[in-house]
Amino acid sequence: MNIEDEKRNVYLVGLMGAGKTTIAKVLAKRLAYQFVDSDHEIEARTGVSLPTIFEIEGEEGFRKREAQVIEDLSSLRGRVVATGGGAVLRAENRVNLQGSGLVIYLNVPLQTLCERTRHDKNRPLLRVSDPLRKLKELHQQRDPLYRSIADLVVSGSRISAQSVLQLLLKKLEKPWKP
């Protein structure tokens, strides 16, 4: 079985600022799949921004919404999905992602992530006095979860959509079992 036979989804996971959305858009175009950003989907469904959801419902409320979106997306085919950085925190999300597509973990150095996200006001978890320390904590907690479901791990500070695409295409040449 390969990804084209059933148009299995491709999911990008990793910490905020890893480039999941940017790379997912390019992959979707090259694979002729539909691009979906799970955070944008949550905003579209609620009609409010992520920081507003966090403010009103807290992280737990947001994670419930995120789990519903991931469950819905995992029932579809032919999507390249940029997931939220914390999507892997819930076991049901990990099961849904792993069971319905190929999971690519974008592992970017923490300093690079900090530089990319430092001016972004839509990162509720980084609204702290020391964002780099917070990113270290998130990485320590989430890295094992990303790795546990990843079919492909791509590491580096200059991960490009083209390099991910080439690695993905090489991966897809081999038999792949979702």
C-alpha atoms as a PDB file:
ATOM      1  CA  MET A   1       0.000   0.000   0.000  1.00  0.00           C
ATOM      2  CA  ASN A   2       1.292   3.462  -0.743  1.00  0.00           C
ATOM      3  CA  ILE A   3      -0.006   6.926  -0.093  1.00  0.00           C
ATOM      4  CA  GLU A   4      -1.349   7.405  -3.626  1.00  0.00           C
ATOM      5  CA  ASP A   5      -3.401   4.200  -3.601  1.00  0.00           C
ATOM      6  CA  GLU A   6      -5.714   5.534  -0.940  1.00  0.00           C
ATOM      7  CA  LYS A   7      -4.731   9.202  -0.861  1.00  0.00           C
ATOM      8  CA  ARG A   8      -3.684   8.802   2.757  1.00  0.00           C
ATOM      9  CA  ASN A   9      -3.233  12.052   4.615  1.00  0.00           C
ATOM     10  CA  VAL A  10       0.143  13.562   5.420  1.00  0.00           C
ATOM     11  CA  TYR A  11       0.466  15.235   8.830  1.00  0.00           C
ATOM     12  CA  LEU A  12       3.189  17.627   9.895  1.00  0.00           C
ATOM     13  CA  VAL A  13       3.932  17.764  13.613  1.00  0.00           C
ATOM     14  CA  GLY A  14       6.436  19.757  15.627  1.00  0.00           C
ATOM     15  CA  LEU A  15       6.728  22.734  17.920  1.00  0.00           C
ATOM     16  CA  MET A  16       5.312  26.127  17.028  1.00  0.00           C
ATOM     17  CA  GLY A  17       7.479  27.911  14.509  1.00  0.00           C
ATOM     18  CA  ALA A  18       8.872  24.712  12.990  1.00  0.00           C
ATOM     19  CA  GLY A  19       7.457  25.597   9.564  1.00  0.00           C
ATOM     20  CA  LYS A  20       4.590  23.110   9.499  1.00  0.00           C
ATOM     21  CA  THR A  21       2.136  25.433   7.733  1.00  0.00           C
ATOM     22  CA  THR A  22       4.636  26.716   5.167  1.00  0.00           C
ATOM     23  CA  ILE A  23       5.865  23.239   4.279  1.00  0.00           C
ATOM     24  CA  ALA A  24       2.387  21.683   4.318  1.00  0.00           C
ATOM     25  CA  LYS A  25       1.155  24.202   1.739  1.00  0.00           C
ATOM     26  CA  VAL A  26       3.968  23.297  -0.658  1.00  0.00           C
ATOM     27  CA  LEU A  27       3.567  19.550  -0.081  1.00  0.00           C
ATOM     28  CA  ALA A  28      -0.174  19.761  -0.671  1.00  0.00           C
ATOM     29  CA  LYS A  29       0.361  21.539  -3.967  1.00  0.00           C
ATOM     30  CA  ARG A  30       3.014  19.076  -5.132  1.00  0.00           C
ATOM     31  CA  LEU A  31       0.930  16.043  -4.111  1.00  0.00           C
ATOM     32  CA  ALA A  32      -2.299  17.585  -5.473  1.00  0.00           C
ATOM     33  CA  TYR A  33      -3.824  17.236  -2.006  1.00  0.00           C
ATOM     34  CA  GLN A  34      -5.886  19.716  -0.049  1.00  0.00           C
ATOM     35  CA  PHE A  35      -3.988  21.818   2.517  1.00  0.00           C
ATOM     36  CA  VAL A  36      -5.470  22.167   6.005  1.00  0.00           C
ATOM     37  CA  ASP A  37      -4.054  23.959   9.044  1.00  0.00           C
ATOM     38  CA  SER A  38      -5.747  22.495  12.116  1.00  0.00           C
ATOM     39  CA  ASP A  39      -5.391  25.739  14.100  1.00  0.00           C
ATOM     40  CA  HIS A  40      -7.001  27.728  11.281  1.00  0.00           C
ATOM     41  CA  GLU A  41      -9.776  25.145  11.129  1.00  0.00           C
ATOM     42  CA  ILE A  42     -10.457  25.667  14.846  1.00  0.00           C
ATOM     43  CA  GLU A  43     -10.592  29.429  14.302  1.00  0.00           C
ATOM     44  CA  ALA A  44     -12.956  28.996  11.347  1.00  0.00           C
ATOM     45  CA  ARG A  45     -15.285  26.774  13.367  1.00  0.00           C
ATOM     46  CA  THR A  46     -15.362  29.044  16.404  1.00  0.00           C
ATOM     47  CA  GLY A  47     -15.159  32.410  14.680  1.00  0.00           C
ATOM     48  CA  VAL A  48     -12.496  33.618  17.124  1.00  0.00           C
ATOM     49  CA  SER A  49      -8.698  33.588  17.384  1.00  0.00           C
ATOM     50  CA  LEU A  50      -6.710  30.970  19.268  1.00  0.00           C
ATOM     51  CA  PRO A  51      -5.641  33.464  21.954  1.00  0.00           C
ATOM     52  CA  THR A  52      -9.336  34.233  22.549  1.00  0.00           C
ATOM     53  CA  ILE A  53     -10.150  30.534  22.901  1.00  0.00           C
ATOM     54  CA  PHE A  54      -7.283  30.127  25.378  1.00  0.00           C
ATOM     55  CA  GLU A  55      -8.452  33.187  27.294  1.00  0.00           C
ATOM     56  CA  ILE A  56     -12.072  32.045  27.550  1.00  0.00           C
ATOM     57  CA  GLU A  57     -11.774  28.248  27.696  1.00  0.00           C
ATOM     58  CA  GLY A  58      -8.183  27.731  28.792  1.00  0.00           C
ATOM     59  CA  GLU A  59      -5.806  25.234  27.258  1.00  0.00           C
ATOM     60  CA  GLU A  60      -8.089  22.300  28.128  1.00  0.00           C
ATOM     61  CA  GLY A  61     -10.991  23.825  26.192  1.00  0.00           C
ATOM     62  CA  PHE A  62      -8.738  24.446  23.236  1.00  0.00           C
ATOM     63  CA  ARG A  63      -7.386  20.867  23.339  1.00  0.00           C
ATOM     64  CA  LYS A  64     -10.945  19.486  23.246  1.00  0.00           C
ATOM     65  CA  ARG A  65     -11.671  21.520  20.131  1.00  0.00           C
ATOM     66  CA  GLU A  66      -8.379  20.463  18.600  1.00  0.00           C
ATOM     67  CA  ALA A  67      -9.159  16.775  19.243  1.00  0.00           C
ATOM     68  CA  GLN A  68     -12.495  17.123  17.444  1.00  0.00           C
ATOM     69  CA  VAL A  69     -10.856  18.769  14.430  1.00  0.00           C
ATOM     70  CA  ILE A  70      -8.171  16.072  14.245  1.00  0.00           C
ATOM     71  CA  GLU A  71     -10.773  13.335  14.527  1.00  0.00           C
ATOM     72  CA  ASP A  72     -12.757  14.924  11.693  1.00  0.00           C
ATOM     73  CA  LEU A  73      -9.687  15.414   9.487  1.00  0.00           C
ATOM     74  CA  SER A  74      -8.464  11.870  10.074  1.00  0.00           C
ATOM     75  CA  SER A  75     -11.686  10.537   8.564  1.00  0.00           C
ATOM     76  CA  LEU A  76     -10.927  12.338   5.284  1.00  0.00           C
ATOM     77  CA  ARG A  77      -8.422  11.489   2.572  1.00  0.00           C
ATOM     78  CA  GLY A  78      -6.058  13.469   0.388  1.00  0.00           C
ATOM     79  CA  ARG A  79      -5.112  16.144   2.912  1.00  0.00           C
ATOM     80  CA  VAL A  80      -1.786  17.586   4.013  1.00  0.00           C
ATOM     81  CA  VAL A  81      -2.403  18.822   7.540  1.00  0.00           C
ATOM     82  CA  ALA A  82      -0.299  21.244   9.539  1.00  0.00           C
ATOM     83  CA  THR A  83      -1.164  20.340  13.125  1.00  0.00           C
ATOM     84  CA  GLY A  84      -0.892  22.543  16.173  1.00  0.00           C
ATOM     85  CA  GLY A  85       2.270  22.055  18.212  1.00  0.00           C
ATOM     86  CA  GLY A  86       0.396  20.425  21.085  1.00  0.00           C
ATOM     87  CA  ALA A  87      -1.799  18.130  19.010  1.00  0.00           C
ATOM     88  CA  VAL A  88       0.264  15.140  20.149  1.00  0.00           C
ATOM     89  CA  LEU A  89      -0.541  15.683  23.816  1.00  0.00           C
ATOM     90  CA  ARG A  90      -3.778  13.697  23.646  1.00  0.00           C
ATOM     91  CA  ALA A  91      -3.499   9.971  23.068  1.00  0.00           C
ATOM     92  CA  GLU A  92      -6.573   9.933  20.817  1.00  0.00           C
ATOM     93  CA  ASN A  93      -4.934  12.499  18.538  1.00  0.00           C
ATOM     94  CA  ARG A  94      -1.798  10.398  18.247  1.00  0.00           C
ATOM     95  CA  VAL A  95      -3.918   7.358  17.372  1.00  0.00           C
ATOM     96  CA  ASN A  96      -5.921   9.303  14.780  1.00  0.00           C
ATOM     97  CA  LEU A  97      -2.855  10.846  13.150  1.00  0.00           C
ATOM     98  CA  GLN A  98      -0.862   7.634  13.038  1.00  0.00           C
ATOM     99  CA  GLY A  99      -3.830   5.574  11.896  1.00  0.00           C
ATOM    100  CA  SER A 100      -4.864   7.733   8.953  1.00  0.00           C
ATOM    101  CA  GLY A 101      -1.705   8.944   7.321  1.00  0.00           C
ATOM    102  CA  LEU A 102       1.997   9.528   7.214  1.00  0.00           C
ATOM    103  CA  VAL A 103       3.363  11.666  10.068  1.00  0.00           C
ATOM    104  CA  ILE A 104       6.357  13.945   9.497  1.00  0.00           C
ATOM    105  CA  TYR A 105       8.063  15.490  12.520  1.00  0.00           C
ATOM    106  CA  LEU A 106       9.811  18.796  11.820  1.00  0.00           C
ATOM    107  CA  ASN A 107      12.463  19.036  14.527  1.00  0.00           C
ATOM    108  CA  VAL A 108      13.912  22.555  14.524  1.00  0.00           C
ATOM    109  CA  PRO A 109      16.502  23.900  17.016  1.00  0.00           C
ATOM    110  CA  LEU A 110      14.963  25.813  19.913  1.00  0.00           C
ATOM    111  CA  GLN A 111      16.874  29.032  19.247  1.00  0.00           C
ATOM    112  CA  THR A 112      15.511  29.078  15.692  1.00  0.00           C
ATOM    113  CA  LEU A 113      11.982  28.500  16.989  1.00  0.00           C
ATOM    114  CA  CYS A 114      12.387  31.326  19.469  1.00  0.00           C
ATOM    115  CA  GLU A 115      13.570  33.708  16.741  1.00  0.00           C
ATOM    116  CA  ARG A 116      10.685  32.743  14.455  1.00  0.00           C
ATOM    117  CA  THR A 117       7.985  33.138  17.097  1.00  0.00           C
ATOM    118  CA  ARG A 118       9.205  36.077  19.185  1.00  0.00           C
ATOM    119  CA  HIS A 119       6.949  38.687  17.530  1.00  0.00           C
ATOM    120  CA  ASP A 120       3.938  36.439  16.959  1.00  0.00           C
ATOM    121  CA  LYS A 121       0.996  37.479  19.141  1.00  0.00           C
ATOM    122  CA  ASN A 122      -0.971  34.315  18.280  1.00  0.00           C
ATOM    123  CA  ARG A 123       1.152  32.022  20.455  1.00  0.00           C
ATOM    124  CA  PRO A 124      -0.655  31.960  23.816  1.00  0.00           C
ATOM    125  CA  LEU A 125       1.798  29.508  25.382  1.00  0.00           C
ATOM    126  CA  LEU A 126       4.723  31.840  24.634  1.00  0.00           C
ATOM    127  CA  ARG A 127       3.239  34.847  26.384  1.00  0.00           C
ATOM    128  CA  VAL A 128       5.759  34.437  29.188  1.00  0.00           C
ATOM    129  CA  SER A 129       8.821  36.324  30.397  1.00  0.00           C
ATOM    130  CA  ASP A 130      11.253  33.708  29.013  1.00  0.00           C
ATOM    131  CA  PRO A 131       9.921  32.212  25.742  1.00  0.00           C
ATOM    132  CA  LEU A 132      13.107  30.204  25.096  1.00  0.00           C
ATOM    133  CA  ARG A 133      12.792  28.477  28.452  1.00  0.00           C
ATOM    134  CA  LYS A 134       9.138  27.729  27.693  1.00  0.00           C
ATOM    135  CA  LEU A 135      10.115  26.263  24.313  1.00  0.00           C
ATOM    136  CA  LYS A 136      12.682  24.054  26.067  1.00  0.00           C
ATOM    137  CA  GLU A 137       9.984  22.789  28.433  1.00  0.00           C
ATOM    138  CA  LEU A 138       7.583  22.127  25.559  1.00  0.00           C
ATOM    139  CA  HIS A 139      10.297  20.324  23.593  1.00  0.00           C
ATOM    140  CA  GLN A 140      11.212  18.143  26.560  1.00  0.00           C
ATOM    141  CA  GLN A 141       7.560  17.181  27.010  1.00  0.00           C
ATOM    142  CA  ARG A 142       6.570  16.781  23.352  1.00  0.00           C
ATOM    143  CA  ASP A 143       9.659  15.494  21.519  1.00  0.00           C
ATOM    144  CA  PRO A 144       9.145  11.884  22.692  1.00  0.00           C
ATOM    145  CA  LEU A 145       5.487  12.081  21.606  1.00  0.00           C
ATOM    146  CA  TYR A 146       6.357  13.463  18.161  1.00  0.00           C
ATOM    147  CA  ARG A 147       8.956  10.738  17.701  1.00  0.00           C
ATOM    148  CA  SER A 148       6.577   8.010  18.877  1.00  0.00           C
ATOM    149  CA  ILE A 149       4.209   8.617  15.957  1.00  0.00           C
ATOM    150  CA  ALA A 150       6.578   9.954  13.280  1.00  0.00           C
ATOM    151  CA  ASP A 151       7.130   7.987  10.106  1.00  0.00           C
ATOM    152  CA  LEU A 152       9.767  10.517   9.132  1.00  0.00           C
ATOM    153  CA  VAL A 153      11.830  12.900  11.297  1.00  0.00           C
ATOM    154  CA  VAL A 154      13.367  15.908   9.553  1.00  0.00           C
ATOM    155  CA  SER A 155      15.859  17.879  11.650  1.00  0.00           C
ATOM    156  CA  GLY A 156      17.638  21.174  11.179  1.00  0.00           C
ATOM    157  CA  SER A 157      17.312  24.926  11.300  1.00  0.00           C
ATOM    158  CA  ARG A 158      16.955  25.346   7.553  1.00  0.00           C
ATOM    159  CA  ILE A 159      14.325  22.774   6.747  1.00  0.00           C
ATOM    160  CA  SER A 160      12.891  23.651   3.370  1.00  0.00           C
ATOM    161  CA  ALA A 161       9.712  22.460   1.773  1.00  0.00           C
ATOM    162  CA  GLN A 162      11.818  21.062  -1.065  1.00  0.00           C
ATOM    163  CA  SER A 163      14.004  18.968   1.274  1.00  0.00           C
ATOM    164  CA  VAL A 164      10.947  17.624   3.102  1.00  0.00           C
ATOM    165  CA  LEU A 165       9.305  16.826  -0.216  1.00  0.00           C
ATOM    166  CA  GLN A 166      12.391  14.921  -1.413  1.00  0.00           C
ATOM    167  CA  LEU A 167      12.580  12.915   1.836  1.00  0.00           C
ATOM    168  CA  LEU A 168       8.849  12.238   1.683  1.00  0.00           C
ATOM    169  CA  LEU A 169       9.033  11.033  -1.902  1.00  0.00           C
ATOM    170  CA  LYS A 170      11.936   8.723  -0.992  1.00  0.00           C
ATOM    171  CA  LYS A 171       9.913   7.395   1.934  1.00  0.00           C
ATOM    172  CA  LEU A 172       6.927   6.781  -0.337  1.00  0.00           C
ATOM    173  CA  GLU A 173       9.018   4.730  -2.764  1.00  0.00           C
ATOM    174  CA  LYS A 174       9.270   2.105  -0.035  1.00  0.00           C
ATOM    175  CA  PRO A 175       6.306   0.118   1.229  1.00  0.00           C
ATOM    176  CA  TRP A 176       4.521   2.185   3.809  1.00  0.00           C
ATOM    177  CA  LYS A 177       2.153   0.887   6.422  1.00  0.00           C
ATOM    178  CA  PRO A 178       0.101   3.552   8.168  1.00  0.00           C
END
